[in-house]
């Protein structure tokens, strides 16, 4: 990136370098601040008005909805043993019942639009196979659903989530390894609802769900791997911040 300046020329080489670095730093900082504002949905009006800094308050218990702008569902599978192909579902939703003081009582239901399966730069023929009768058969099985049944803590913030996955018309047990990344009750005039975040991962054999097309023959890797690994990153928004008490100072 080239930074142009209308200031008079600087004859000292070192001074010129410092000026360029400072200008580049200011520009980079401005880009970062703008990006945060665009992608988070936060308003920085409170900060520009000189609002005092506040320590975040822990997220409250309650019902939480997926923040789709801060969520991803990534899939990985072997492609003929030559690479681990990475793809994703782009449309999914989730409802979470959450209590930070009692994580094992949490419950989650996730629904995935099967037709939102995406393959960057892949030939249309490959995408047609993946969405067609040989594989996902999205015309017949429009949704993929996961429902939790039990949460077992494996650490202070790590857990195993046991539930059922319904995929391609087949329902089977599924275990996710998950981490609670933290949360807060909200930030006045910036993020007025509670927010929590989780990371999770797991794996499945697609043949267990009736999708055997292209599975490599025993002892070979020629085909698309039976084992599918997946990773989930998700933020959820929850109860709104309580209204300020009458007479409270702004």
Protein backbone atom coordinates (compact mmCIF):
# COMPACT_ATOMS: atom_id res chain seq x y z
CA UNK A 1 0.00 0.00 0.00
CA UNK A 2 1.44 3.43 -0.97
CA UNK A 3 0.72 6.39 1.29
CA UNK A 4 0.85 9.83 -0.41
CA UNK A 5 1.48 13.00 1.61
CA UNK A 6 0.97 16.66 0.67
CA UNK A 7 3.45 17.85 3.31
CA UNK A 8 6.69 19.50 2.26
CA UNK A 9 9.63 17.25 1.40
CA UNK A 10 11.79 15.98 4.24
CA UNK A 11 15.49 16.01 3.39
CA UNK A 12 16.63 13.75 6.26
CA UNK A 13 16.28 10.10 5.18
CA UNK A 14 15.56 8.83 8.71
CA UNK A 15 12.92 11.53 9.31
CA UNK A 16 11.27 10.63 6.06
CA UNK A 17 11.12 6.96 7.07
CA UNK A 18 9.63 7.82 10.48
CA UNK A 19 6.98 10.07 8.89
CA UNK A 20 5.99 7.33 6.45
CA UNK A 21 5.77 4.76 9.23
CA UNK A 22 3.61 7.04 11.40
CA UNK A 23 1.24 7.81 8.52
CA UNK A 24 0.99 4.11 7.62
CA UNK A 25 0.32 3.25 11.25
CA UNK A 26 -2.47 5.83 11.52
CA UNK A 27 -4.05 4.57 8.29
CA UNK A 28 -3.81 0.94 9.43
CA UNK A 29 -5.38 1.80 12.80
CA UNK A 30 -8.23 3.59 11.04
CA UNK A 31 -8.88 0.56 8.82
CA UNK A 32 -8.95 -1.79 11.84
CA UNK A 33 -11.40 0.44 13.74
CA UNK A 34 -13.65 0.74 10.67
CA UNK A 35 -13.59 -3.04 10.13
CA UNK A 36 -14.54 -3.71 13.72
CA UNK A 37 -17.45 -1.33 13.46
CA UNK A 38 -18.70 -2.87 10.21
CA UNK A 39 -18.42 -6.52 11.20
CA UNK A 40 -19.47 -6.42 14.83
CA UNK A 41 -22.56 -4.28 14.45
CA UNK A 42 -21.42 -2.22 17.45
CA UNK A 43 -21.80 1.54 17.71
CA UNK A 44 -18.83 3.51 18.99
CA UNK A 45 -20.92 6.57 19.78
CA UNK A 46 -20.54 6.02 23.51
CA UNK A 47 -16.77 6.06 23.25
CA UNK A 48 -16.69 9.18 21.11
CA UNK A 49 -18.88 10.86 23.71
CA UNK A 50 -16.30 10.05 26.36
CA UNK A 51 -18.20 7.29 28.16
CA UNK A 52 -16.12 5.73 30.97
CA UNK A 53 -14.66 2.26 30.45
CA UNK A 54 -16.64 -0.54 32.10
CA UNK A 55 -15.57 -4.01 33.16
CA UNK A 56 -17.71 -6.64 31.40
CA UNK A 57 -20.35 -8.37 33.52
CA UNK A 58 -20.80 -12.15 33.20
CA UNK A 59 -23.49 -13.33 30.79
CA UNK A 60 -26.86 -14.09 32.44
CA UNK A 61 -28.81 -17.35 32.11
CA UNK A 62 -31.57 -17.48 29.52
CA UNK A 63 -32.44 -18.18 25.92
CA UNK A 64 -29.82 -17.35 23.28
CA UNK A 65 -30.02 -17.10 19.48
CA UNK A 66 -27.21 -17.65 17.01
CA UNK A 67 -25.46 -14.51 15.76
CA UNK A 68 -25.18 -15.64 12.13
CA UNK A 69 -22.66 -12.92 11.30
CA UNK A 70 -20.22 -14.51 13.75
CA UNK A 71 -20.68 -18.22 13.09
CA UNK A 72 -19.14 -20.81 10.77
CA UNK A 73 -19.57 -24.53 10.04
CA UNK A 74 -16.56 -26.03 8.27
CA UNK A 75 -16.26 -29.61 6.91
CA UNK A 76 -13.11 -31.54 5.94
CA UNK A 77 -12.68 -34.84 4.08
CA UNK A 78 -9.93 -36.64 2.20
CA UNK A 79 -9.92 -36.21 -1.57
CA UNK A 80 -8.24 -39.31 -3.05
CA UNK A 81 -5.62 -39.08 -0.32
CA UNK A 82 -4.06 -36.13 -2.17
CA UNK A 83 -5.55 -33.38 0.02
CA UNK A 84 -7.97 -32.72 2.82
CA UNK A 85 -10.73 -30.85 1.03
CA UNK A 86 -12.38 -28.08 3.06
CA UNK A 87 -15.94 -26.90 2.51
CA UNK A 88 -18.89 -25.57 4.52
CA UNK A 89 -22.58 -25.01 5.05
CA UNK A 90 -23.44 -21.33 4.78
CA UNK A 91 -27.00 -21.30 6.20
CA UNK A 92 -27.75 -22.68 9.65
CA UNK A 93 -29.44 -21.59 12.85
CA UNK A 94 -29.25 -22.55 16.49
CA UNK A 95 -31.13 -22.00 19.74
CA UNK A 96 -29.31 -22.26 23.06
CA UNK A 97 -30.59 -22.53 26.62
CA UNK A 98 -27.67 -21.40 28.73
CA UNK A 99 -26.63 -20.85 32.34
CA UNK A 100 -22.95 -19.92 32.91
CA UNK A 101 -23.17 -21.18 36.49
CA UNK A 102 -24.58 -24.54 35.39
CA UNK A 103 -23.10 -25.39 31.99
CA UNK A 104 -24.21 -29.05 32.13
CA UNK A 105 -27.83 -27.85 32.12
CA UNK A 106 -27.33 -26.16 28.73
CA UNK A 107 -29.36 -27.36 25.75
CA UNK A 108 -28.92 -26.65 22.07
CA UNK A 109 -30.86 -27.34 18.87
CA UNK A 110 -29.21 -26.66 15.51
CA UNK A 111 -30.78 -26.82 12.06
CA UNK A 112 -28.77 -26.70 8.83
CA UNK A 113 -30.10 -25.91 5.37
CA UNK A 114 -28.65 -28.88 3.45
CA UNK A 115 -28.86 -26.99 0.15
CA UNK A 116 -26.42 -24.38 1.49
CA UNK A 117 -23.52 -26.82 1.02
CA UNK A 118 -20.78 -24.88 -0.79
CA UNK A 119 -17.67 -25.85 -2.75
CA UNK A 120 -15.45 -22.95 -3.78
CA UNK A 121 -14.37 -23.09 -7.43
CA UNK A 122 -15.59 -26.68 -7.83
CA UNK A 123 -17.10 -27.81 -11.16
CA UNK A 124 -20.88 -27.66 -11.17
CA UNK A 125 -20.93 -31.42 -11.74
CA UNK A 126 -19.30 -31.97 -8.32
CA UNK A 127 -21.78 -29.69 -6.59
CA UNK A 128 -24.68 -31.44 -8.35
CA UNK A 129 -23.42 -34.81 -7.07
CA UNK A 130 -23.05 -33.52 -3.52
CA UNK A 131 -26.57 -32.07 -3.46
CA UNK A 132 -28.12 -34.84 -5.55
CA UNK A 133 -29.39 -38.38 -4.79
CA UNK A 134 -25.88 -39.85 -4.62
CA UNK A 135 -25.01 -37.81 -1.51
CA UNK A 136 -27.03 -35.24 0.50
CA UNK A 137 -30.17 -35.52 -1.66
CA UNK A 138 -31.24 -32.04 -0.58
CA UNK A 139 -34.52 -32.19 -2.53
CA UNK A 140 -35.66 -35.06 -0.29
CA UNK A 141 -33.81 -34.20 2.94
CA UNK A 142 -33.88 -30.43 3.20
CA UNK A 143 -32.66 -30.14 6.80
CA UNK A 144 -29.88 -31.53 8.96
CA UNK A 145 -30.63 -31.35 12.68
CA UNK A 146 -28.62 -31.75 15.87
CA UNK A 147 -30.35 -31.91 19.28
CA UNK A 148 -28.34 -32.10 22.48
CA UNK A 149 -29.34 -34.55 25.22
CA UNK A 150 -26.53 -34.31 27.78
CA UNK A 151 -23.54 -32.10 28.59
CA UNK A 152 -20.58 -33.55 30.50
CA UNK A 153 -17.87 -31.18 31.72
CA UNK A 154 -14.29 -32.27 30.95
CA UNK A 155 -12.66 -29.11 32.35
CA UNK A 156 -13.64 -25.74 33.77
CA UNK A 157 -14.80 -24.58 30.32
CA UNK A 158 -14.54 -27.69 28.15
CA UNK A 159 -17.29 -30.25 27.67
CA UNK A 160 -18.67 -33.15 25.69
CA UNK A 161 -22.11 -32.55 24.21
CA UNK A 162 -24.00 -35.78 23.50
CA UNK A 163 -27.03 -35.69 21.27
CA UNK A 164 -28.58 -36.95 18.06
CA UNK A 165 -27.78 -35.95 14.49
CA UNK A 166 -30.38 -36.40 11.77
CA UNK A 167 -28.69 -36.41 8.36
CA UNK A 168 -29.91 -37.81 5.03
CA UNK A 169 -33.00 -39.15 6.81
CA UNK A 170 -30.97 -41.15 9.35
CA UNK A 171 -30.75 -40.32 13.08
CA UNK A 172 -27.69 -41.44 15.02
CA UNK A 173 -25.91 -40.51 18.27
CA UNK A 174 -23.32 -37.76 18.02
CA UNK A 175 -20.73 -36.39 20.48
CA UNK A 176 -19.21 -32.93 20.13
CA UNK A 177 -16.15 -31.66 21.97
CA UNK A 178 -16.80 -28.05 22.87
CA UNK A 179 -15.25 -25.09 24.68
CA UNK A 180 -17.09 -22.19 26.29
CA UNK A 181 -15.03 -19.16 25.26
CA UNK A 182 -16.76 -16.73 27.62
CA UNK A 183 -19.36 -14.01 27.41
CA UNK A 184 -20.79 -10.84 28.93
CA UNK A 185 -24.13 -9.30 29.83
CA UNK A 186 -23.82 -6.63 27.15
CA UNK A 187 -22.36 -3.16 26.76
CA UNK A 188 -24.58 -0.06 26.99
CA UNK A 189 -25.08 1.75 23.65
CA UNK A 190 -22.72 -0.71 21.93
CA UNK A 191 -23.91 -4.31 22.26
CA UNK A 192 -27.16 -4.13 24.26
CA UNK A 193 -27.69 -7.89 24.55
CA UNK A 194 -25.79 -10.60 26.34
CA UNK A 195 -23.24 -12.42 24.19
CA UNK A 196 -21.51 -15.81 24.58
CA UNK A 197 -19.16 -17.78 22.35
CA UNK A 198 -18.36 -21.45 21.79
CA UNK A 199 -15.99 -23.54 19.68
CA UNK A 200 -16.81 -27.18 18.89
CA UNK A 201 -15.60 -30.02 16.72
CA UNK A 202 -16.48 -33.61 15.93
CA UNK A 203 -16.49 -36.23 13.18
CA UNK A 204 -18.78 -38.74 11.50
CA UNK A 205 -18.69 -41.50 8.93
CA UNK A 206 -21.00 -40.55 6.08
CA UNK A 207 -21.60 -44.20 5.29
CA UNK A 208 -23.33 -44.46 8.70
CA UNK A 209 -25.94 -42.09 7.28
CA UNK A 210 -26.45 -43.97 4.02
CA UNK A 211 -24.08 -41.89 1.86
CA UNK A 212 -21.67 -44.45 0.40
CA UNK A 213 -21.13 -42.93 -3.06
CA UNK A 214 -17.41 -42.54 -3.79
CA UNK A 215 -16.17 -44.14 -0.55
CA UNK A 216 -12.71 -45.59 -1.33
CA UNK A 217 -12.43 -49.36 -1.55
CA UNK A 218 -10.69 -51.00 1.42
CA UNK A 219 -6.94 -50.45 1.30
CA UNK A 220 -7.16 -47.53 -1.15
CA UNK A 221 -7.71 -43.78 -1.00
CA UNK A 222 -9.21 -43.35 -4.47
CA UNK A 223 -12.44 -41.53 -3.82
CA UNK A 224 -13.85 -39.16 -1.23
CA UNK A 225 -13.12 -40.13 2.36
CA UNK A 226 -15.77 -41.75 4.51
CA UNK A 227 -14.64 -39.78 7.57
CA UNK A 228 -15.89 -36.19 7.68
CA UNK A 229 -14.48 -33.86 10.33
CA UNK A 230 -16.26 -30.63 11.20
CA UNK A 231 -15.51 -27.48 13.18
CA UNK A 232 -17.99 -24.95 14.55
CA UNK A 233 -17.38 -21.39 15.74
CA UNK A 234 -20.44 -19.63 17.10
CA UNK A 235 -21.49 -16.55 19.02
CA UNK A 236 -24.97 -16.24 20.52
CA UNK A 237 -26.94 -13.21 21.65
CA UNK A 238 -29.19 -13.43 24.68
CA UNK A 239 -31.21 -11.37 27.15
CA UNK A 240 -31.13 -7.60 26.83
CA UNK A 241 -29.35 -5.47 29.39
CA UNK A 242 -31.67 -4.35 32.22
CA UNK A 243 -33.01 -0.83 31.82
CA UNK A 244 -31.16 1.73 34.00
CA UNK A 245 -32.80 2.35 37.34
CA UNK A 246 -34.90 5.52 37.57
CA UNK A 247 -32.69 8.47 38.47
CA UNK A 248 -29.48 6.66 37.61
CA UNK A 249 -26.70 8.83 36.22
CA UNK A 250 -25.92 8.42 32.53
